[in-house]
Amino acid sequence: MGVELLKNEKDLNELFRRIEQSVKETVKGRPRKAFGSLEEERDYLKAQVDYLKKRYPNLVKEKR
């Protein structure tokens, strides 16, 4: 893109719109799961923790 000469407010708005669009396109990651309630999210996270504990037992530290 390089350095551009912005002649008026319309050019500036267009530049901001393009920058905003490119930022949205570059954001990566796993989309968040939508939960209906806090209890549902808690149960989901507990199940996930239990699964990981079973999958990687050497990483689990015992409580004293």
Protein backbone atom coordinates (compact mmCIF):
# COMPACT_ATOMS: atom_id res chain seq x y z
CA MET A 1 0.00 0.00 0.00
CA GLY A 2 2.76 2.45 0.83
CA VAL A 3 2.39 6.09 1.72
CA GLU A 4 -0.74 7.71 0.33
CA LEU A 5 -1.72 11.33 0.01
CA LEU A 6 -5.05 11.86 1.75
CA LYS A 7 -6.83 14.68 -0.01
CA ASN A 8 -10.02 14.80 2.00
CA GLU A 9 -12.04 13.19 4.76
CA LYS A 10 -13.53 10.64 2.36
CA ASP A 11 -10.06 9.27 1.56
CA LEU A 12 -9.26 9.05 5.27
CA ASN A 13 -12.50 7.20 6.01
CA GLU A 14 -11.80 4.77 3.17
CA LEU A 15 -8.31 4.12 4.53
CA PHE A 16 -9.65 3.41 8.03
CA ARG A 17 -12.31 1.10 6.59
CA ARG A 18 -9.68 -0.91 4.68
CA ILE A 19 -7.43 -1.14 7.73
CA GLU A 20 -10.31 -2.26 9.93
CA GLN A 21 -11.34 -4.89 7.39
CA SER A 22 -7.81 -6.27 7.09
CA VAL A 23 -7.48 -6.51 10.87
CA LYS A 24 -10.72 -8.49 11.09
CA GLU A 25 -9.50 -10.87 8.38
CA THR A 26 -6.17 -11.51 10.10
CA VAL A 27 -7.59 -12.32 13.54
CA LYS A 28 -7.18 -16.04 14.00
CA GLY A 29 -8.09 -18.50 16.67
CA ARG A 30 -10.77 -20.88 17.67
CA PRO A 31 -14.23 -19.33 17.82
CA ARG A 32 -15.69 -19.20 21.29
CA LYS A 33 -18.52 -21.56 22.09
CA ALA A 34 -21.76 -19.85 23.11
CA PHE A 35 -23.35 -21.20 26.27
CA GLY A 36 -26.90 -20.73 27.47
CA SER A 37 -25.99 -20.43 31.13
CA LEU A 38 -23.04 -20.26 33.49
CA GLU A 39 -23.80 -23.76 34.76
CA GLU A 40 -23.62 -25.15 31.24
CA GLU A 41 -20.26 -23.46 30.66
CA ARG A 42 -18.96 -24.71 34.02
CA ASP A 43 -19.98 -28.29 33.23
CA TYR A 44 -18.33 -28.06 29.81
CA LEU A 45 -15.08 -26.78 31.32
CA LYS A 46 -15.11 -29.44 34.05
CA ALA A 47 -15.54 -32.16 31.43
CA GLN A 48 -12.69 -30.67 29.43
CA VAL A 49 -10.40 -30.64 32.50
CA ASP A 50 -11.31 -34.25 33.36
CA TYR A 51 -10.55 -35.33 29.79
CA LEU A 52 -7.15 -33.62 29.85
CA LYS A 53 -6.31 -35.14 33.25
CA LYS A 54 -7.02 -38.61 31.87
CA ARG A 55 -5.15 -37.91 28.65
CA TYR A 56 -2.04 -36.49 30.36
CA PRO A 57 -1.83 -38.08 33.82
CA ASN A 58 1.86 -37.19 34.19
CA LEU A 59 0.97 -33.48 34.29
CA VAL A 60 -1.48 -33.80 37.18
CA LYS A 61 0.02 -32.75 40.51
CA GLU A 62 -1.30 -34.39 43.65
CA LYS A 63 -2.69 -32.24 46.43
CA ARG A 64 -1.01 -32.59 49.82
